[in-house]
N, C-alpha and C. Protein backbone atom coordinates (compact mmCIF):
# COMPACT_ATOMS: atom_id res chain seq x y z
N UNK A 1 0.84 -1.17 0.00
CA UNK A 1 0.00 0.00 0.00
C UNK A 1 0.89 1.23 0.00
N UNK A 2 0.58 2.16 -0.86
CA UNK A 2 1.34 3.40 -0.97
C UNK A 2 0.54 4.53 -0.34
N UNK A 3 1.22 5.31 0.50
CA UNK A 3 0.56 6.46 1.13
C UNK A 3 1.05 7.74 0.47
N UNK A 4 0.14 8.61 0.21
CA UNK A 4 0.50 9.91 -0.33
C UNK A 4 0.45 10.91 0.81
N UNK A 5 1.54 11.61 0.99
CA UNK A 5 1.61 12.62 2.04
C UNK A 5 1.41 13.98 1.38
N UNK A 6 0.41 14.69 1.83
CA UNK A 6 0.13 16.01 1.28
C UNK A 6 0.72 17.08 2.20
N UNK A 7 1.30 18.06 1.57
CA UNK A 7 1.81 19.18 2.34
C UNK A 7 0.64 20.02 2.84
N UNK A 8 0.70 20.45 4.08
CA UNK A 8 -0.33 21.31 4.63
C UNK A 8 -0.09 22.73 4.16
N UNK A 9 -1.15 23.41 3.81
CA UNK A 9 -0.97 24.82 3.49
C UNK A 9 -0.51 25.54 4.76
N UNK A 10 0.03 26.71 4.61
CA UNK A 10 0.48 27.46 5.79
C UNK A 10 -0.68 27.60 6.77
N UNK A 11 -0.44 27.20 7.99
CA UNK A 11 -1.48 27.24 9.01
C UNK A 11 -1.70 28.67 9.49
N UNK A 12 -2.92 28.93 9.90
CA UNK A 12 -3.30 30.21 10.46
C UNK A 12 -2.56 30.42 11.79
N UNK A 13 -2.09 31.61 12.03
CA UNK A 13 -1.41 31.92 13.29
C UNK A 13 -2.08 33.12 13.94
N UNK A 14 -2.30 33.04 15.24
CA UNK A 14 -2.89 34.14 15.99
C UNK A 14 -1.81 34.86 16.77
N UNK A 15 -2.03 36.13 16.99
CA UNK A 15 -1.16 36.93 17.85
C UNK A 15 -1.58 36.63 19.29
N UNK A 16 -0.61 36.43 20.15
CA UNK A 16 -0.88 36.09 21.55
C UNK A 16 -0.23 37.13 22.46
N UNK A 17 -0.95 37.51 23.50
CA UNK A 17 -0.42 38.47 24.46
C UNK A 17 -0.77 38.04 25.88
N UNK A 18 0.07 38.48 26.82
CA UNK A 18 -0.15 38.24 28.24
C UNK A 18 -0.42 39.57 28.93
N UNK A 19 -1.35 39.56 29.88
CA UNK A 19 -1.76 40.77 30.60
C UNK A 19 -1.72 40.50 32.09
N UNK A 20 -1.50 41.55 32.88
CA UNK A 20 -1.50 41.42 34.33
C UNK A 20 -2.60 42.26 34.94
N UNK A 21 -3.45 41.63 35.73
CA UNK A 21 -4.38 42.33 36.59
C UNK A 21 -3.70 42.40 37.96
N UNK A 22 -3.04 43.50 38.24
CA UNK A 22 -2.40 43.68 39.54
C UNK A 22 -3.46 44.27 40.47
N UNK A 23 -3.85 43.46 41.45
CA UNK A 23 -4.97 43.80 42.33
C UNK A 23 -4.45 43.99 43.75
N UNK A 24 -4.91 45.07 44.37
CA UNK A 24 -4.55 45.35 45.77
C UNK A 24 -5.72 46.08 46.41
N UNK A 25 -6.23 45.58 47.51
CA UNK A 25 -7.33 46.24 48.24
C UNK A 25 -8.52 46.56 47.32
N UNK A 26 -8.92 45.60 46.49
CA UNK A 26 -10.05 45.75 45.57
C UNK A 26 -9.84 46.87 44.54
N UNK A 27 -8.56 47.18 44.30
CA UNK A 27 -8.21 48.16 43.27
C UNK A 27 -7.29 47.48 42.26
N UNK A 28 -7.35 47.97 41.02
CA UNK A 28 -6.52 47.43 39.94
C UNK A 28 -5.61 48.53 39.41
N UNK A 29 -4.38 48.17 39.10
CA UNK A 29 -3.42 49.12 38.57
C UNK A 29 -3.64 49.28 37.07
N UNK A 30 -3.89 50.52 36.64
CA UNK A 30 -4.09 50.82 35.22
C UNK A 30 -3.07 51.85 34.76
N UNK A 31 -2.72 51.74 33.49
CA UNK A 31 -1.80 52.71 32.88
C UNK A 31 -2.48 53.35 31.67
N UNK A 32 -2.26 54.66 31.51
CA UNK A 32 -2.86 55.34 30.37
C UNK A 32 -1.85 55.42 29.23
N UNK A 33 -2.27 54.91 28.07
CA UNK A 33 -1.41 54.86 26.89
C UNK A 33 -1.13 56.27 26.38
N UNK A 34 0.09 56.45 25.90
CA UNK A 34 0.55 57.77 25.48
C UNK A 34 1.52 57.65 24.31
N UNK A 35 1.19 58.28 23.21
CA UNK A 35 2.05 58.32 22.01
C UNK A 35 2.49 56.94 21.51
N UNK A 36 1.57 55.97 21.54
CA UNK A 36 1.90 54.63 21.05
C UNK A 36 1.33 54.38 19.66
N UNK A 37 0.32 55.20 19.29
CA UNK A 37 -0.36 54.97 18.02
C UNK A 37 -1.53 54.01 18.13
N UNK A 38 -1.78 53.49 19.33
CA UNK A 38 -2.90 52.57 19.55
C UNK A 38 -3.61 52.95 20.85
N UNK A 39 -4.87 53.32 20.76
CA UNK A 39 -5.71 53.62 21.92
C UNK A 39 -5.08 54.63 22.88
N UNK A 40 -4.33 55.59 22.33
CA UNK A 40 -3.70 56.61 23.18
C UNK A 40 -4.76 57.39 23.96
N UNK A 41 -4.44 57.73 25.21
CA UNK A 41 -5.37 58.44 26.08
C UNK A 41 -6.32 57.52 26.82
N UNK A 42 -6.22 56.22 26.58
CA UNK A 42 -7.11 55.25 27.23
C UNK A 42 -6.30 54.37 28.19
N UNK A 43 -7.03 53.84 29.18
CA UNK A 43 -6.38 53.01 30.20
C UNK A 43 -6.36 51.53 29.83
N UNK A 44 -5.27 50.89 30.21
CA UNK A 44 -5.08 49.47 30.01
C UNK A 44 -4.38 48.90 31.24
N UNK A 45 -3.87 47.70 31.11
CA UNK A 45 -3.10 47.06 32.17
C UNK A 45 -1.74 46.68 31.61
N UNK A 46 -0.74 46.41 32.46
CA UNK A 46 0.55 45.98 31.93
C UNK A 46 0.37 44.74 31.06
N UNK A 47 0.99 44.76 29.88
CA UNK A 47 0.77 43.68 28.92
C UNK A 47 1.81 43.71 27.82
N UNK A 48 1.85 42.64 27.06
CA UNK A 48 2.72 42.61 25.89
C UNK A 48 2.59 41.31 25.13
N UNK A 49 3.12 41.36 23.92
CA UNK A 49 3.09 40.18 23.06
C UNK A 49 4.06 39.12 23.55
N UNK A 50 3.68 37.89 23.33
CA UNK A 50 4.54 36.75 23.64
C UNK A 50 5.54 36.62 22.50
N UNK A 51 6.81 36.55 22.84
CA UNK A 51 7.86 36.43 21.84
C UNK A 51 8.20 34.95 21.59
N UNK A 52 8.80 34.70 20.45
CA UNK A 52 9.19 33.34 20.08
C UNK A 52 10.07 32.74 21.17
N UNK A 53 9.73 31.55 21.62
CA UNK A 53 10.51 30.86 22.65
C UNK A 53 10.10 31.17 24.07
N UNK A 54 9.10 32.05 24.27
CA UNK A 54 8.64 32.40 25.61
C UNK A 54 7.34 31.67 25.94
N UNK A 55 7.17 31.36 27.20
CA UNK A 55 5.87 30.90 27.67
C UNK A 55 5.02 32.13 27.95
N UNK A 56 3.73 31.94 28.15
CA UNK A 56 2.84 33.05 28.48
C UNK A 56 3.27 33.75 29.76
N UNK A 57 3.65 32.97 30.77
CA UNK A 57 4.03 33.57 32.05
C UNK A 57 5.41 34.21 31.98
N UNK A 58 6.30 33.69 31.16
CA UNK A 58 7.59 34.35 30.97
C UNK A 58 7.40 35.71 30.30
N UNK A 59 6.50 35.76 29.32
CA UNK A 59 6.21 37.03 28.65
C UNK A 59 5.61 38.03 29.65
N UNK A 60 4.67 37.56 30.46
CA UNK A 60 4.06 38.44 31.45
C UNK A 60 5.11 38.96 32.43
N UNK A 61 5.99 38.10 32.89
CA UNK A 61 7.04 38.50 33.81
C UNK A 61 7.96 39.55 33.18
N UNK A 62 8.36 39.33 31.95
CA UNK A 62 9.24 40.27 31.24
C UNK A 62 8.55 41.62 31.06
N UNK A 63 7.30 41.60 30.58
CA UNK A 63 6.58 42.84 30.31
C UNK A 63 6.33 43.65 31.59
N UNK A 64 5.98 42.97 32.67
CA UNK A 64 5.74 43.65 33.95
C UNK A 64 7.02 44.34 34.43
N UNK A 65 8.14 43.67 34.27
CA UNK A 65 9.42 44.29 34.63
C UNK A 65 9.72 45.50 33.77
N UNK A 66 9.51 45.38 32.48
CA UNK A 66 9.79 46.48 31.55
C UNK A 66 8.87 47.68 31.78
N UNK A 67 7.59 47.42 32.01
CA UNK A 67 6.61 48.49 32.07
C UNK A 67 6.45 49.13 33.44
N UNK A 68 6.43 48.31 34.50
CA UNK A 68 6.16 48.89 35.82
C UNK A 68 7.20 48.51 36.89
N UNK A 69 8.28 47.86 36.48
CA UNK A 69 9.40 47.61 37.38
C UNK A 69 9.19 46.58 38.47
N UNK A 70 8.17 45.75 38.35
CA UNK A 70 7.96 44.70 39.35
C UNK A 70 8.66 43.43 38.93
N UNK A 71 9.04 42.65 39.91
CA UNK A 71 9.60 41.32 39.67
C UNK A 71 8.56 40.29 40.09
N UNK A 72 8.08 39.52 39.11
CA UNK A 72 7.13 38.45 39.38
C UNK A 72 7.64 37.19 38.70
N UNK A 73 7.80 36.15 39.47
CA UNK A 73 8.26 34.88 38.90
C UNK A 73 7.14 34.25 38.07
N UNK A 74 7.48 33.61 36.96
CA UNK A 74 6.45 32.98 36.13
C UNK A 74 5.53 32.06 36.92
N UNK A 75 6.05 31.34 37.91
CA UNK A 75 5.20 30.41 38.67
C UNK A 75 4.22 31.12 39.60
N UNK A 76 4.37 32.43 39.78
CA UNK A 76 3.49 33.17 40.67
C UNK A 76 2.29 33.79 39.94
N UNK A 77 2.18 33.57 38.65
CA UNK A 77 1.03 34.08 37.90
C UNK A 77 -0.12 33.07 37.98
N UNK A 78 -1.34 33.59 38.05
CA UNK A 78 -2.54 32.77 38.08
C UNK A 78 -3.42 33.19 36.91
N UNK A 79 -3.72 32.27 36.02
CA UNK A 79 -4.58 32.56 34.87
C UNK A 79 -6.01 32.81 35.37
N UNK A 80 -6.58 33.97 34.98
CA UNK A 80 -7.93 34.29 35.42
C UNK A 80 -8.91 34.53 34.27
N UNK A 81 -8.40 34.74 33.06
CA UNK A 81 -9.31 34.97 31.94
C UNK A 81 -8.57 34.78 30.61
N UNK A 82 -9.31 34.27 29.63
CA UNK A 82 -8.81 34.14 28.26
C UNK A 82 -9.82 34.80 27.34
N UNK A 83 -9.33 35.60 26.41
CA UNK A 83 -10.21 36.30 25.47
C UNK A 83 -9.77 36.00 24.04
N UNK A 84 -10.74 35.60 23.22
CA UNK A 84 -10.51 35.42 21.78
C UNK A 84 -11.06 36.70 21.15
N UNK A 85 -10.16 37.48 20.53
CA UNK A 85 -10.51 38.83 20.14
C UNK A 85 -10.24 39.09 18.67
N UNK A 86 -11.18 39.77 18.05
CA UNK A 86 -11.02 40.17 16.65
C UNK A 86 -10.93 41.68 16.59
N UNK A 87 -9.86 42.16 15.99
CA UNK A 87 -9.64 43.59 15.80
C UNK A 87 -9.31 43.74 14.32
N UNK A 88 -8.18 44.33 14.01
CA UNK A 88 -7.72 44.33 12.62
C UNK A 88 -7.11 42.98 12.28
N UNK A 89 -6.88 42.19 13.30
CA UNK A 89 -6.37 40.83 13.16
C UNK A 89 -7.07 39.98 14.23
N UNK A 90 -6.65 38.75 14.37
CA UNK A 90 -7.26 37.87 15.37
C UNK A 90 -6.23 37.55 16.44
N UNK A 91 -6.67 37.65 17.69
CA UNK A 91 -5.75 37.52 18.82
C UNK A 91 -6.33 36.60 19.91
N UNK A 92 -5.44 36.06 20.71
CA UNK A 92 -5.82 35.38 21.93
C UNK A 92 -5.07 36.06 23.06
N UNK A 93 -5.82 36.56 24.03
CA UNK A 93 -5.26 37.31 25.15
C UNK A 93 -5.43 36.50 26.43
N UNK A 94 -4.35 36.42 27.20
CA UNK A 94 -4.34 35.67 28.46
C UNK A 94 -4.13 36.66 29.60
N UNK A 95 -5.08 36.69 30.53
CA UNK A 95 -5.05 37.62 31.64
C UNK A 95 -4.71 36.87 32.92
N UNK A 96 -3.74 37.41 33.65
CA UNK A 96 -3.24 36.79 34.87
C UNK A 96 -3.36 37.75 36.05
N UNK A 97 -3.43 37.20 37.25
CA UNK A 97 -3.15 37.93 38.47
C UNK A 97 -1.85 37.33 38.99
N UNK A 98 -1.35 37.87 40.10
CA UNK A 98 -0.11 37.35 40.67
C UNK A 98 -0.30 37.05 42.15
N UNK A 99 0.26 35.92 42.57
CA UNK A 99 0.20 35.54 43.98
C UNK A 99 1.01 36.51 44.83
N UNK A 100 2.17 36.87 44.29
CA UNK A 100 3.08 37.76 45.01
C UNK A 100 4.00 38.43 44.01
N UNK A 101 4.60 39.52 44.44
CA UNK A 101 5.55 40.25 43.61
C UNK A 101 6.50 41.01 44.52
N UNK A 102 7.59 41.45 43.94
CA UNK A 102 8.50 42.30 44.70
C UNK A 102 8.68 43.60 43.94
N UNK A 103 8.81 44.67 44.72
CA UNK A 103 8.96 46.00 44.15
C UNK A 103 7.69 46.80 44.29
N UNK A 104 7.79 48.06 43.90
CA UNK A 104 6.67 48.98 43.91
C UNK A 104 6.42 49.43 42.48
N UNK A 105 5.17 49.39 42.03
CA UNK A 105 4.91 49.79 40.64
C UNK A 105 5.34 51.23 40.36
N UNK A 106 6.03 51.39 39.26
CA UNK A 106 6.47 52.70 38.82
C UNK A 106 6.41 52.73 37.29
N UNK A 107 6.13 53.87 36.72
CA UNK A 107 6.07 53.99 35.26
C UNK A 107 7.49 53.98 34.70
N UNK A 108 7.87 52.87 34.11
CA UNK A 108 9.21 52.75 33.52
C UNK A 108 9.22 53.06 32.03
N UNK A 109 8.06 53.41 31.48
CA UNK A 109 7.98 53.75 30.06
C UNK A 109 7.22 55.07 29.87
N UNK A 110 7.78 56.19 30.37
CA UNK A 110 7.08 57.46 30.27
C UNK A 110 6.85 57.93 28.83
N UNK A 111 7.55 57.38 27.88
CA UNK A 111 7.31 57.71 26.48
C UNK A 111 6.11 56.98 25.90
N UNK A 112 5.55 56.01 26.65
CA UNK A 112 4.39 55.24 26.20
C UNK A 112 3.22 55.29 27.18
N UNK A 113 3.46 55.83 28.36
CA UNK A 113 2.46 55.84 29.42
C UNK A 113 2.56 57.18 30.16
N UNK A 114 1.43 57.90 30.31
CA UNK A 114 1.49 59.18 31.01
C UNK A 114 0.72 59.19 32.33
N UNK A 115 0.21 58.02 32.76
CA UNK A 115 -0.46 57.93 34.05
C UNK A 115 -0.46 56.47 34.49
N UNK A 116 -0.15 56.24 35.75
CA UNK A 116 -0.14 54.90 36.33
C UNK A 116 -0.73 55.02 37.72
N UNK A 117 -1.91 54.43 37.92
CA UNK A 117 -2.52 54.52 39.25
C UNK A 117 -3.55 53.43 39.46
N UNK A 118 -3.95 53.32 40.75
CA UNK A 118 -4.91 52.32 41.19
C UNK A 118 -6.32 52.85 41.05
N UNK A 119 -7.23 52.01 40.55
CA UNK A 119 -8.64 52.35 40.42
C UNK A 119 -9.46 51.24 41.06
N UNK A 120 -10.60 51.61 41.69
CA UNK A 120 -11.48 50.57 42.24
C UNK A 120 -11.96 49.64 41.12
N UNK A 121 -11.96 48.36 41.37
CA UNK A 121 -12.42 47.38 40.38
C UNK A 121 -13.83 47.67 39.89
N UNK A 122 -14.65 48.23 40.75
CA UNK A 122 -16.04 48.49 40.39
C UNK A 122 -16.26 49.86 39.75
N UNK A 123 -15.20 50.67 39.66
CA UNK A 123 -15.34 52.03 39.11
C UNK A 123 -14.15 52.34 38.20
N UNK A 124 -14.11 51.67 37.07
CA UNK A 124 -13.02 51.88 36.12
C UNK A 124 -13.22 53.22 35.42
N UNK A 125 -12.13 53.84 34.96
CA UNK A 125 -12.28 55.09 34.22
C UNK A 125 -13.12 54.88 32.95
N UNK A 126 -13.88 55.91 32.58
CA UNK A 126 -14.68 55.85 31.35
C UNK A 126 -13.79 55.55 30.16
N UNK A 127 -12.55 55.98 30.21
CA UNK A 127 -11.64 55.83 29.08
C UNK A 127 -10.85 54.52 29.13
N UNK A 128 -11.36 53.52 29.82
CA UNK A 128 -10.71 52.20 29.80
C UNK A 128 -10.96 51.57 28.42
N UNK A 129 -9.94 50.99 27.82
CA UNK A 129 -10.08 50.34 26.52
C UNK A 129 -11.20 49.30 26.64
N UNK A 130 -12.14 49.27 25.70
CA UNK A 130 -13.32 48.39 25.83
C UNK A 130 -13.02 46.91 26.06
N UNK A 131 -12.08 46.32 25.37
CA UNK A 131 -11.83 44.89 25.60
C UNK A 131 -11.17 44.66 26.95
N UNK A 132 -10.40 45.62 27.43
CA UNK A 132 -9.81 45.52 28.77
C UNK A 132 -10.92 45.59 29.82
N UNK A 133 -11.85 46.53 29.64
CA UNK A 133 -13.00 46.64 30.54
C UNK A 133 -13.77 45.32 30.59
N UNK A 134 -14.02 44.73 29.41
CA UNK A 134 -14.75 43.46 29.36
C UNK A 134 -14.00 42.37 30.10
N UNK A 135 -12.69 42.30 29.93
CA UNK A 135 -11.90 41.27 30.61
C UNK A 135 -11.91 41.47 32.13
N UNK A 136 -11.83 42.72 32.58
CA UNK A 136 -11.88 42.99 34.02
C UNK A 136 -13.24 42.60 34.59
N UNK A 137 -14.30 42.95 33.87
CA UNK A 137 -15.65 42.58 34.32
C UNK A 137 -15.81 41.05 34.36
N UNK A 138 -15.29 40.36 33.37
CA UNK A 138 -15.36 38.90 33.36
C UNK A 138 -14.60 38.34 34.56
N UNK A 139 -13.44 38.89 34.86
CA UNK A 139 -12.66 38.47 36.02
C UNK A 139 -13.47 38.65 37.31
N UNK A 140 -14.10 39.81 37.45
CA UNK A 140 -14.90 40.09 38.65
C UNK A 140 -16.03 39.09 38.81
N UNK A 141 -16.57 38.59 37.69
CA UNK A 141 -17.68 37.64 37.72
C UNK A 141 -17.21 36.18 37.74
N UNK A 142 -15.89 35.96 37.71
CA UNK A 142 -15.37 34.60 37.72
C UNK A 142 -15.52 33.89 36.39
N UNK A 143 -15.70 34.64 35.32
CA UNK A 143 -15.87 34.07 33.99
C UNK A 143 -14.49 33.89 33.34
N UNK A 144 -14.15 32.68 32.99
CA UNK A 144 -12.80 32.37 32.52
C UNK A 144 -12.58 32.67 31.04
N UNK A 145 -13.65 32.74 30.24
CA UNK A 145 -13.49 32.91 28.79
C UNK A 145 -14.50 33.91 28.24
N UNK A 146 -14.04 34.73 27.30
CA UNK A 146 -14.96 35.61 26.58
C UNK A 146 -14.45 35.87 25.17
N UNK A 147 -15.31 36.44 24.36
CA UNK A 147 -14.97 36.81 22.99
C UNK A 147 -15.28 38.29 22.81
N UNK A 148 -14.50 38.96 21.99
CA UNK A 148 -14.68 40.39 21.79
C UNK A 148 -14.42 40.73 20.32
N UNK A 149 -15.29 41.57 19.75
CA UNK A 149 -15.07 42.08 18.40
C UNK A 149 -15.61 41.24 17.28
N UNK A 150 -16.22 40.12 17.59
CA UNK A 150 -16.80 39.26 16.57
C UNK A 150 -18.22 39.73 16.28
N UNK A 151 -18.65 39.59 15.05
CA UNK A 151 -20.02 39.99 14.70
C UNK A 151 -21.01 39.13 15.48
N UNK A 152 -22.11 39.74 15.93
CA UNK A 152 -23.09 38.97 16.74
C UNK A 152 -23.78 37.89 15.91
């Protein structure tokens, strides 16, 4: 018996990012985007794209250090929400909290962020990026998965 092996066409690839919900006393740390070219003037959370060869938690650890100067070990992240999101492309976003961290949050990227402060989880700024707001609300409700930007 002869088997024919067919080459697979190039598989679809999604962009993946890791996010941190840094929570303290029922408040969440938000940063306002500044001169990035994406959602400037709106609030988000520390986040970044996963690079080749990184795990989701390694990416989160690296980004948190770069953006707000905290040290969080990959094993100290807790996955709290996953979002399948459609924008100009298709993405999968992984949202984490942290068991523990060392350091005090500080804006380490003043060229990309012009405000860093704590907001009550129940009273987010009106200018919170919509998909970030949805993810925070899902977290508050204990909902592990959501979709954003897809046609109803």
